């Protein structure tokens, strides 16, 4: 049994680990331990988020060079760019079952393998077919990471740190996209593909030194491994008896229920958590973020503002505000930040719509660039403070562990479908009406505010078990 525990917590020590549970000891230092292992484990996991951002940010700075080197038409390059989303959708569908079957760490290994294979295929590509296969593989890995990283981080984090640590998922994504955008201007497209291997290498190495999710171990009936992993995460002197008992009691009560099938997710018991999880993904994606994100340069050009300057300001703002959101989420709460974020998205859309309306009707030409840039920066700043990260945080918190794989897969699939639909329709909408597009997005974001105010609960400061029992009562 000792070997099993050692293997599962990989690198951790379990000597005397079960003492607090077995003897109920209350250590004097109970509230003063440093959760450094939680921080280290989170850092390793969010290397997967950085990999996600590296995959997403790859196509923009490399477009001209790849088209020139491989003689690709615009249609061929568009397929290369967009096939990532299809890979991510397949990854989303399979992410939950994989994470439930082989564990959260196992799912991250599977995801890393697809990303490594994809980058190597892209690096050695001499024509469009292997290029697209490589992009599809990185998309698949990205889709799995988008589900498993926030779920793993939420499951290992103590309740008072859970929001901030889970928000690091989004922070690492936007940082990686921005870094890819900047270094992609000086590196060749093949070199940028090799750079994409670095975060997965750090992740794969780090997985040997961090424990598996205690909640997943408890769900699999591996009681000793579960206690060992939780003790390592909380510190060897921490009293984990109460937390372990709460997790184990909740898992035991879930085990008494019949194993849910996909259609069972729509029963009254689980319908509220599914509505919240899927609804927030709809709010996040259908409010226009991927259209704005993918075509920022062309929006600035259309408005008569230097696109390179605008894009750099955009990238820096996104990183800074996402960091501010991470610092605030456990103090201000999820719901207030979402409502502030939604209001800012509406304001940003209206400012941009006004700019394009003036441009189309040839009125106040001098005000157009200022209004457009202000609108886009207000929009991206508002998205970064809440709507970017918090839907992933809440999704990772609200689903009980017995339905987390299936429900999380559905929510992640909806997110990726929305990402594809928004990026696919954006150019068509802009050719229909530039200002009408942003009026439409403002209306969708207004509905999102309504949904958040009425349906979404506050989740800060509660254990996952308390939260899930309240929502799914």
Protein backbone atom coordinates (compact mmCIF):
# COMPACT_ATOMS: atom_id res chain seq x y z
CA UNK A 1 0.00 0.00 0.00
CA UNK A 2 2.91 2.33 0.77
CA UNK A 3 4.08 1.98 -2.81
CA UNK A 4 0.63 2.93 -4.11
CA UNK A 5 0.48 6.07 -2.02
CA UNK A 6 4.01 7.04 -2.98
CA UNK A 7 3.31 6.52 -6.65
CA UNK A 8 0.16 8.58 -6.62
CA UNK A 9 1.40 11.60 -4.78
CA UNK A 10 4.61 11.29 -6.79
CA UNK A 11 7.47 12.83 -4.96
CA UNK A 12 5.54 13.58 -1.76
CA UNK A 13 6.12 11.99 1.62
CA UNK A 14 3.33 10.24 3.47
CA UNK A 15 5.04 9.40 6.74
CA UNK A 16 2.48 9.92 9.51
CA UNK A 17 0.17 11.54 7.00
CA UNK A 18 -3.02 9.97 8.30
CA UNK A 19 -2.49 11.02 11.93
CA UNK A 20 -4.88 14.00 11.91
CA UNK A 21 -7.68 11.87 10.44
CA UNK A 22 -7.16 8.81 12.62
CA UNK A 23 -6.53 10.56 15.91
CA UNK A 24 -8.32 13.88 15.31
CA UNK A 25 -5.33 15.85 16.59
CA UNK A 26 -5.61 19.60 16.53
CA UNK A 27 -2.23 21.09 15.77
CA UNK A 28 -1.38 24.44 17.27
CA UNK A 29 -0.08 25.61 13.91
CA UNK A 30 -3.27 24.62 12.12
CA UNK A 31 -4.08 28.07 10.72
CA UNK A 32 -0.50 29.21 10.19
CA UNK A 33 0.86 26.71 7.68
CA UNK A 34 2.08 28.03 4.34
CA UNK A 35 0.28 26.46 1.39
CA UNK A 36 3.43 26.59 -0.76
CA UNK A 37 2.60 23.18 -2.24
CA UNK A 38 -0.76 24.51 -3.44
CA UNK A 39 1.05 27.39 -5.18
CA UNK A 40 3.63 25.07 -6.72
CA UNK A 41 0.96 22.59 -7.87
CA UNK A 42 -1.09 25.44 -9.35
CA UNK A 43 1.96 26.81 -11.17
CA UNK A 44 2.61 23.40 -12.77
CA UNK A 45 -1.06 23.05 -13.80
CA UNK A 46 -1.32 26.54 -15.32
CA UNK A 47 1.62 25.74 -17.61
CA UNK A 48 -1.22 23.96 -19.45
CA UNK A 49 -3.08 27.30 -19.63
CA UNK A 50 0.08 28.95 -21.00
CA UNK A 51 0.24 26.21 -23.64
CA UNK A 52 -3.43 26.96 -24.49
CA UNK A 53 -2.50 30.63 -25.05
CA UNK A 54 0.57 29.70 -27.11
CA UNK A 55 -1.63 27.58 -29.42
CA UNK A 56 -4.25 30.34 -29.74
CA UNK A 57 -1.70 33.10 -30.32
CA UNK A 58 0.34 31.25 -32.95
CA UNK A 59 -1.57 31.97 -36.16
CA UNK A 60 -1.73 35.78 -36.00
CA UNK A 61 2.01 36.74 -36.12
CA UNK A 62 2.94 33.88 -38.49
CA UNK A 63 0.33 34.43 -41.21
CA UNK A 64 2.50 36.22 -43.79
CA UNK A 65 5.58 34.02 -43.29
CA UNK A 66 3.71 30.69 -43.50
CA UNK A 67 1.74 31.79 -46.56
CA UNK A 68 4.94 32.90 -48.27
CA UNK A 69 7.07 29.85 -47.35
CA UNK A 70 4.45 27.22 -48.19
CA UNK A 71 2.68 29.18 -50.98
CA UNK A 72 -0.72 29.01 -49.24
CA UNK A 73 -3.79 30.79 -50.53
CA UNK A 74 -5.83 32.91 -48.10
CA UNK A 75 -8.46 30.13 -47.98
CA UNK A 76 -5.80 27.52 -47.11
CA UNK A 77 -4.40 29.71 -44.34
CA UNK A 78 -7.90 30.43 -43.01
CA UNK A 79 -8.46 26.67 -42.73
CA UNK A 80 -5.16 26.37 -40.83
CA UNK A 81 -6.21 29.15 -38.44
CA UNK A 82 -9.77 27.93 -37.81
CA UNK A 83 -9.16 24.15 -37.61
CA UNK A 84 -7.73 24.81 -34.13
CA UNK A 85 -11.27 25.45 -32.87
CA UNK A 86 -12.55 22.15 -34.31
CA UNK A 87 -9.72 20.31 -32.55
CA UNK A 88 -10.65 22.14 -29.34
CA UNK A 89 -14.31 21.08 -29.71
CA UNK A 90 -13.26 17.40 -29.99
CA UNK A 91 -10.97 17.95 -26.98
CA UNK A 92 -13.88 19.50 -25.05
CA UNK A 93 -16.19 16.52 -25.72
CA UNK A 94 -13.59 14.00 -24.53
CA UNK A 95 -11.96 16.05 -21.74
CA UNK A 96 -14.45 15.20 -18.99
CA UNK A 97 -14.47 11.41 -19.52
CA UNK A 98 -10.63 11.35 -19.84
CA UNK A 99 -10.17 13.40 -16.64
CA UNK A 100 -12.65 11.13 -14.82
CA UNK A 101 -11.03 7.92 -16.08
CA UNK A 102 -7.27 8.57 -15.84
CA UNK A 103 -7.35 11.45 -13.34
CA UNK A 104 -6.67 15.17 -13.70
CA UNK A 105 -2.91 14.60 -14.02
CA UNK A 106 -3.47 11.83 -16.58
CA UNK A 107 -5.65 14.16 -18.67
CA UNK A 108 -2.91 16.82 -18.59
CA UNK A 109 -0.40 14.22 -19.83
CA UNK A 110 -2.72 13.23 -22.70
CA UNK A 111 -3.22 16.89 -23.60
CA UNK A 112 0.54 17.55 -23.50
CA UNK A 113 1.21 14.58 -25.80
CA UNK A 114 -1.19 15.96 -28.44
CA UNK A 115 0.35 19.46 -28.20
CA UNK A 116 3.92 18.13 -28.53
CA UNK A 117 2.98 15.97 -31.53
CA UNK A 118 1.12 18.90 -33.11
CA UNK A 119 3.99 21.39 -32.71
CA UNK A 120 6.52 18.91 -34.14
CA UNK A 121 4.29 18.21 -37.16
CA UNK A 122 3.88 21.98 -37.74
CA UNK A 123 7.65 22.49 -37.42
CA UNK A 124 8.47 19.86 -40.08
CA UNK A 125 5.57 20.74 -42.44
CA UNK A 126 6.37 21.33 -46.10
CA UNK A 127 2.77 21.58 -47.39
CA UNK A 128 -0.74 22.42 -46.10
CA UNK A 129 -1.90 18.89 -45.09
CA UNK A 130 0.60 18.19 -42.26
CA UNK A 131 0.29 21.84 -41.21
CA UNK A 132 -3.49 21.36 -40.69
CA UNK A 133 -3.00 17.98 -38.95
CA UNK A 134 -0.52 19.58 -36.53
CA UNK A 135 -2.89 22.49 -35.87
CA UNK A 136 -5.79 20.07 -35.26
CA UNK A 137 -3.66 18.14 -32.73
CA UNK A 138 -2.67 21.31 -30.81
CA UNK A 139 -6.35 22.32 -30.89
CA UNK A 140 -7.32 18.99 -29.32
CA UNK A 141 -4.75 19.47 -26.54
CA UNK A 142 -5.96 23.01 -26.02
CA UNK A 143 -9.59 21.82 -25.66
CA UNK A 144 -8.63 19.30 -22.96
CA UNK A 145 -6.50 21.88 -21.11
CA UNK A 146 -9.38 24.40 -21.17
CA UNK A 147 -11.45 21.98 -19.03
CA UNK A 148 -8.97 20.09 -16.88
CA UNK A 149 -6.74 22.96 -15.65
CA UNK A 150 -9.44 25.09 -13.92
CA UNK A 151 -11.13 21.94 -12.56
CA UNK A 152 -7.85 20.59 -11.11
CA UNK A 153 -6.89 23.95 -9.59
CA UNK A 154 -10.36 24.40 -8.01
CA UNK A 155 -10.18 20.88 -6.54
CA UNK A 156 -6.77 21.36 -4.88
CA UNK A 157 -7.17 24.96 -3.64
CA UNK A 158 -8.35 25.93 -0.13
CA UNK A 159 -11.63 27.88 -0.34
CA UNK A 160 -10.07 31.26 0.57
CA UNK A 161 -7.56 31.02 -2.35
CA UNK A 162 -9.69 29.15 -4.89
CA UNK A 163 -10.90 32.16 -6.90
CA UNK A 164 -7.48 33.79 -7.27
CA UNK A 165 -5.70 30.52 -8.11
CA UNK A 166 -8.34 29.45 -10.66
CA UNK A 167 -8.19 32.91 -12.28
CA UNK A 168 -4.48 32.29 -12.97
CA UNK A 169 -5.77 29.98 -15.74
CA UNK A 170 -7.02 33.00 -17.72
CA UNK A 171 -4.03 35.15 -16.72
CA UNK A 172 -1.60 32.60 -18.21
CA UNK A 173 -3.70 32.29 -21.39
CA UNK A 174 -3.70 36.03 -22.12
CA UNK A 175 0.00 36.32 -21.18
CA UNK A 176 0.91 33.52 -23.60
CA UNK A 177 -1.18 35.04 -26.41
CA UNK A 178 0.51 38.41 -25.90
CA UNK A 179 4.02 36.88 -25.69
CA UNK A 180 3.37 34.88 -28.90
CA UNK A 181 2.20 38.06 -30.60
CA UNK A 182 5.35 39.96 -29.58
CA UNK A 183 8.05 37.28 -30.11
CA UNK A 184 6.31 36.11 -33.30
CA UNK A 185 7.37 39.39 -34.91
CA UNK A 186 11.08 38.52 -34.47
CA UNK A 187 11.15 34.70 -34.68
CA UNK A 188 10.50 32.48 -37.70
CA UNK A 189 7.24 30.50 -37.68
CA UNK A 190 9.15 27.23 -37.25
CA UNK A 191 11.09 28.62 -34.25
CA UNK A 192 7.80 29.81 -32.70
CA UNK A 193 6.44 26.26 -33.05
CA UNK A 194 9.46 24.88 -31.11
CA UNK A 195 8.93 27.55 -28.40
CA UNK A 196 5.40 26.08 -28.04
CA UNK A 197 6.98 22.88 -26.67
CA UNK A 198 8.48 24.63 -23.60
CA UNK A 199 5.33 24.95 -21.41
CA UNK A 200 4.39 21.29 -22.04
CA UNK A 201 7.93 20.18 -21.11
CA UNK A 202 7.70 22.11 -17.79
CA UNK A 203 4.22 20.64 -17.18
CA UNK A 204 5.22 17.03 -17.90
CA UNK A 205 8.27 17.31 -15.65
CA UNK A 206 6.31 19.06 -12.89
CA UNK A 207 3.57 16.39 -12.84
CA UNK A 208 6.08 13.99 -11.23
CA UNK A 209 6.35 16.28 -8.18
CA UNK A 210 2.71 17.22 -7.49
CA UNK A 211 -0.18 15.20 -6.01
CA UNK A 212 -3.32 14.12 -7.87
CA UNK A 213 -6.61 15.91 -7.07
CA UNK A 214 -7.70 14.66 -3.62
CA UNK A 215 -11.36 14.88 -4.64
CA UNK A 216 -10.78 12.66 -7.67
CA UNK A 217 -8.92 10.13 -5.49
CA UNK A 218 -11.78 10.16 -2.98
CA UNK A 219 -14.30 9.61 -5.76
CA UNK A 220 -12.27 6.59 -6.97
CA UNK A 221 -12.41 5.09 -3.47
CA UNK A 222 -8.66 5.49 -2.85
CA UNK A 223 -9.03 6.72 0.74
CA UNK A 224 -5.37 6.52 1.82
CA UNK A 225 -4.13 8.20 -1.37
CA UNK A 226 -6.80 10.90 -0.95
CA UNK A 227 -5.68 11.73 2.62
CA UNK A 228 -1.99 11.64 1.60
CA UNK A 229 -2.56 14.04 -1.31
CA UNK A 230 -4.65 16.44 0.82
CA UNK A 231 -2.01 16.44 3.59
CA UNK A 232 0.76 17.26 1.11
CA UNK A 233 -1.28 20.14 -0.34
CA UNK A 234 -2.19 21.63 3.06
CA UNK A 235 1.22 21.11 4.69
CA UNK A 236 2.51 18.34 6.95
CA UNK A 237 1.52 20.18 10.17
CA UNK A 238 -1.97 21.16 8.99
CA UNK A 239 -5.03 19.53 10.55
CA UNK A 240 -6.94 18.23 7.55
CA UNK A 241 -9.44 16.08 9.50
CA UNK A 242 -12.43 18.41 9.07
CA UNK A 243 -11.83 19.11 5.37
CA UNK A 244 -11.18 15.43 4.61
CA UNK A 245 -14.32 14.39 6.49
CA UNK A 246 -16.46 16.94 4.62
CA UNK A 247 -15.13 15.80 1.22
CA UNK A 248 -15.53 12.10 2.10
CA UNK A 249 -19.09 12.58 3.43
CA UNK A 250 -20.11 14.42 0.28
CA UNK A 251 -18.56 11.78 -2.00
CA UNK A 252 -20.32 9.03 0.03
CA UNK A 253 -23.70 10.76 -0.34
CA UNK A 254 -23.12 11.13 -4.11
CA UNK A 255 -22.18 7.43 -4.38
CA UNK A 256 -25.65 6.51 -3.11
CA UNK A 257 -27.17 8.16 -6.17
CA UNK A 258 -27.41 6.21 -9.45
CA UNK A 259 -24.52 6.91 -11.86
CA UNK A 260 -25.83 9.77 -14.05
CA UNK A 261 -26.04 9.44 -17.82
CA UNK A 262 -25.81 12.48 -20.09
CA UNK A 263 -29.62 12.90 -20.24
CA UNK A 264 -29.78 12.75 -16.44
CA UNK A 265 -27.92 16.06 -16.34
CA UNK A 266 -31.17 17.71 -17.44
CA UNK A 267 -33.05 16.38 -14.39
CA UNK A 268 -34.15 18.92 -11.82
CA UNK A 269 -31.39 17.86 -9.38
CA UNK A 270 -28.58 18.99 -11.72
CA UNK A 271 -30.40 21.42 -14.01
CA UNK A 272 -29.51 24.57 -12.06
CA UNK A 273 -25.75 23.92 -12.05
CA UNK A 274 -25.87 22.97 -15.76
CA UNK A 275 -27.84 26.15 -16.58
CA UNK A 276 -25.31 28.31 -14.68
CA UNK A 277 -22.25 26.60 -16.23
CA UNK A 278 -23.52 26.56 -19.83
CA UNK A 279 -25.20 30.00 -19.50
CA UNK A 280 -21.96 31.68 -18.41
CA UNK A 281 -20.10 30.13 -21.37
CA UNK A 282 -22.80 31.51 -23.72
CA UNK A 283 -22.47 34.95 -22.06
CA UNK A 284 -18.68 34.82 -22.42
CA UNK A 285 -18.51 33.83 -26.09
CA UNK A 286 -21.62 35.30 -27.75
CA UNK A 287 -20.84 38.82 -26.51
CA UNK A 288 -18.31 39.16 -29.35
CA UNK A 289 -14.95 38.52 -27.70
CA UNK A 290 -13.46 36.26 -30.38
CA UNK A 291 -14.51 38.57 -33.21
CA UNK A 292 -12.90 41.53 -31.46
CA UNK A 293 -9.85 39.49 -30.38
CA UNK A 294 -9.11 37.88 -33.77
CA UNK A 295 -9.68 41.06 -35.78
CA UNK A 296 -8.38 43.79 -33.45
CA UNK A 297 -5.87 44.99 -36.07
CA UNK A 298 -8.50 45.32 -38.81
CA UNK A 299 -10.87 47.18 -36.43
CA UNK A 300 -8.13 49.71 -35.63
CA UNK A 301 -7.26 50.04 -39.35
CA UNK A 302 -10.93 50.55 -40.24
CA UNK A 303 -11.21 53.26 -37.59
CA UNK A 304 -8.03 54.98 -38.84
CA UNK A 305 -5.82 54.19 -35.81
CA UNK A 306 -2.32 52.59 -36.18
CA UNK A 307 -3.03 48.86 -35.71
CA UNK A 308 0.43 47.94 -34.34
CA UNK A 309 0.22 50.58 -31.57
CA UNK A 310 -3.37 49.58 -30.78
CA UNK A 311 -2.53 45.86 -30.61
CA UNK A 312 0.39 46.39 -28.20
CA UNK A 313 -1.77 48.58 -25.89
CA UNK A 314 -4.50 45.90 -26.12
CA UNK A 315 -2.09 43.08 -25.17
CA UNK A 316 -0.58 44.93 -22.18
CA UNK A 317 -4.00 46.07 -20.91
CA UNK A 318 -5.34 42.50 -21.10
CA UNK A 319 -2.49 41.10 -18.95
CA UNK A 320 -2.64 43.90 -16.34
CA UNK A 321 -6.44 43.88 -15.89
CA UNK A 322 -6.62 40.05 -15.75
CA UNK A 323 -4.03 40.24 -12.94
CA UNK A 324 -6.15 42.85 -11.12
CA UNK A 325 -9.19 40.56 -11.50
CA UNK A 326 -7.23 37.65 -9.98
CA UNK A 327 -6.31 39.82 -6.98
CA UNK A 328 -9.91 40.97 -6.44
CA UNK A 329 -11.94 37.80 -7.06
CA UNK A 330 -11.74 36.34 -3.52
CA UNK A 331 -12.35 39.75 -1.91
CA UNK A 332 -15.02 41.32 -4.14
CA UNK A 333 -16.65 38.02 -5.12
CA UNK A 334 -17.49 36.42 -8.46
CA UNK A 335 -20.92 37.96 -9.04
CA UNK A 336 -20.04 41.67 -8.48
CA UNK A 337 -17.02 41.35 -10.83
CA UNK A 338 -19.21 39.67 -13.49
CA UNK A 339 -21.79 42.48 -13.26
CA UNK A 340 -19.09 45.19 -13.51
CA UNK A 341 -17.53 43.29 -16.42
CA UNK A 342 -20.86 42.95 -18.27
CA UNK A 343 -21.64 46.67 -17.82
CA UNK A 344 -18.22 47.61 -19.21
CA UNK A 345 -18.72 45.30 -22.21
CA UNK A 346 -22.01 47.07 -23.03
CA UNK A 347 -20.32 50.50 -22.70
CA UNK A 348 -17.36 49.41 -24.89
CA UNK A 349 -19.70 48.06 -27.60
CA UNK A 350 -21.78 51.27 -27.59
CA UNK A 351 -18.67 53.50 -27.90
CA UNK A 352 -17.36 51.40 -30.81
CA UNK A 353 -20.81 51.38 -32.47
CA UNK A 354 -20.99 55.20 -32.22
CA UNK A 355 -17.49 55.48 -33.79
CA UNK A 356 -18.47 53.32 -36.78
CA UNK A 357 -21.84 55.11 -37.12
CA UNK A 358 -20.03 58.46 -37.39
CA UNK A 359 -17.56 56.98 -39.90
CA UNK A 360 -20.31 55.49 -42.12
CA UNK A 361 -22.31 58.74 -42.11
CA UNK A 362 -19.17 60.88 -42.50
CA UNK A 363 -19.87 62.94 -39.37
CA UNK A 364 -17.23 64.08 -36.83
CA UNK A 365 -14.39 62.26 -38.61
CA UNK A 366 -11.81 63.49 -36.06
CA UNK A 367 -13.61 61.74 -33.19
CA UNK A 368 -13.81 58.33 -34.91
CA UNK A 369 -10.31 56.91 -34.05
CA UNK A 370 -10.49 58.10 -30.42
CA UNK A 371 -13.99 56.66 -29.90
CA UNK A 372 -13.14 53.35 -31.61
CA UNK A 373 -9.90 52.81 -29.66
CA UNK A 374 -11.54 53.86 -26.37
CA UNK A 375 -14.45 51.51 -27.08
CA UNK A 376 -12.21 48.52 -27.88
CA UNK A 377 -9.95 49.13 -24.85
CA UNK A 378 -12.95 49.56 -22.50
CA UNK A 379 -14.34 46.34 -23.99
CA UNK A 380 -11.17 44.29 -23.54
CA UNK A 381 -10.46 45.74 -20.08
CA UNK A 382 -13.99 44.90 -18.96
CA UNK A 383 -13.76 41.38 -20.40
CA UNK A 384 -10.42 40.82 -18.62
CA UNK A 385 -11.69 41.89 -15.17
CA UNK A 386 -14.47 39.31 -15.05
CA UNK A 387 -16.07 37.68 -18.08
CA UNK A 388 -12.76 36.23 -19.29
CA UNK A 389 -11.83 34.21 -16.20
CA UNK A 390 -14.87 33.91 -13.94
CA UNK A 391 -17.06 31.60 -16.11
CA UNK A 392 -14.19 29.05 -15.95
CA UNK A 393 -13.84 29.58 -12.18
CA UNK A 394 -17.58 29.09 -11.56
CA UNK A 395 -17.76 26.10 -13.96
CA UNK A 396 -14.97 24.41 -11.98
CA UNK A 397 -16.81 25.06 -8.68
CA UNK A 398 -20.48 24.23 -9.23
CA UNK A 399 -20.61 20.70 -10.70
CA UNK A 400 -20.68 17.80 -8.20
CA UNK A 401 -17.79 15.38 -8.73
CA UNK A 402 -20.12 12.60 -10.00
CA UNK A 403 -21.31 14.71 -12.98
CA UNK A 404 -18.27 16.99 -13.33
CA UNK A 405 -16.84 15.11 -16.33
CA UNK A 406 -20.04 15.07 -18.39
CA UNK A 407 -21.37 18.51 -17.37
CA UNK A 408 -17.92 20.13 -17.69
CA UNK A 409 -17.51 18.65 -21.18
CA UNK A 410 -20.88 20.10 -22.26
CA UNK A 411 -20.02 23.57 -20.88
CA UNK A 412 -16.56 23.49 -22.51
CA UNK A 413 -18.03 22.34 -25.84
CA UNK A 414 -20.56 25.20 -25.76
CA UNK A 415 -17.68 27.60 -25.11
CA UNK A 416 -15.65 26.36 -28.09
CA UNK A 417 -18.69 26.27 -30.39
CA UNK A 418 -19.42 29.88 -29.39
CA UNK A 419 -15.77 30.82 -30.05
CA UNK A 420 -15.95 29.31 -33.54
CA UNK A 421 -19.37 30.83 -34.36
CA UNK A 422 -18.36 34.31 -33.18
CA UNK A 423 -15.05 34.33 -35.10
CA UNK A 424 -16.69 32.84 -38.22
CA UNK A 425 -19.61 35.33 -38.35
CA UNK A 426 -17.69 38.49 -37.38
CA UNK A 427 -16.52 39.47 -40.88
CA UNK A 428 -19.98 38.78 -42.34
CA UNK A 429 -21.61 40.96 -39.66
CA UNK A 430 -19.07 43.76 -40.21
CA UNK A 431 -19.77 43.76 -43.97
CA UNK A 432 -23.51 43.90 -43.19
CA UNK A 433 -23.13 46.85 -40.76
CA UNK A 434 -20.05 47.83 -38.79
CA UNK A 435 -21.98 49.76 -36.16
CA UNK A 436 -24.90 47.29 -36.22
CA UNK A 437 -22.46 44.50 -35.24
CA UNK A 438 -21.51 46.28 -32.03
CA UNK A 439 -25.12 47.22 -31.26
CA UNK A 440 -25.92 43.49 -31.51
CA UNK A 441 -23.05 42.61 -29.16
CA UNK A 442 -24.20 45.35 -26.72
CA UNK A 443 -27.70 43.78 -26.68
CA UNK A 444 -26.28 40.26 -26.03
CA UNK A 445 -24.07 41.60 -23.19
CA UNK A 446 -27.11 43.36 -21.67
CA UNK A 447 -28.94 40.01 -21.62
CA UNK A 448 -25.83 38.49 -20.02
CA UNK A 449 -26.04 41.05 -17.17
CA UNK A 450 -29.68 40.03 -16.63
CA UNK A 451 -28.75 36.32 -16.57
CA UNK A 452 -25.92 36.91 -14.06
CA UNK A 453 -28.13 39.05 -11.78
CA UNK A 454 -31.00 36.51 -11.70
CA UNK A 455 -29.39 33.07 -12.07
CA UNK A 456 -25.72 33.08 -10.99
CA UNK A 457 -24.99 32.59 -7.25
CA UNK A 458 -22.04 33.97 -5.30
CA UNK A 459 -19.51 31.17 -4.78
CA UNK A 460 -16.68 32.82 -2.81
CA UNK A 461 -15.74 31.65 0.67
CA UNK A 462 -17.58 28.31 0.53
CA UNK A 463 -16.15 24.83 0.18
CA UNK A 464 -16.93 23.04 -3.09
CA UNK A 465 -19.09 20.57 -1.16
CA UNK A 466 -21.19 23.29 0.56
CA UNK A 467 -21.61 25.09 -2.72
CA UNK A 468 -22.62 22.06 -4.79
CA UNK A 469 -25.03 20.79 -2.13
CA UNK A 470 -26.78 24.21 -2.04
CA UNK A 471 -27.02 24.58 -5.84
CA UNK A 472 -28.05 20.97 -6.56
CA UNK A 473 -30.41 20.52 -3.60
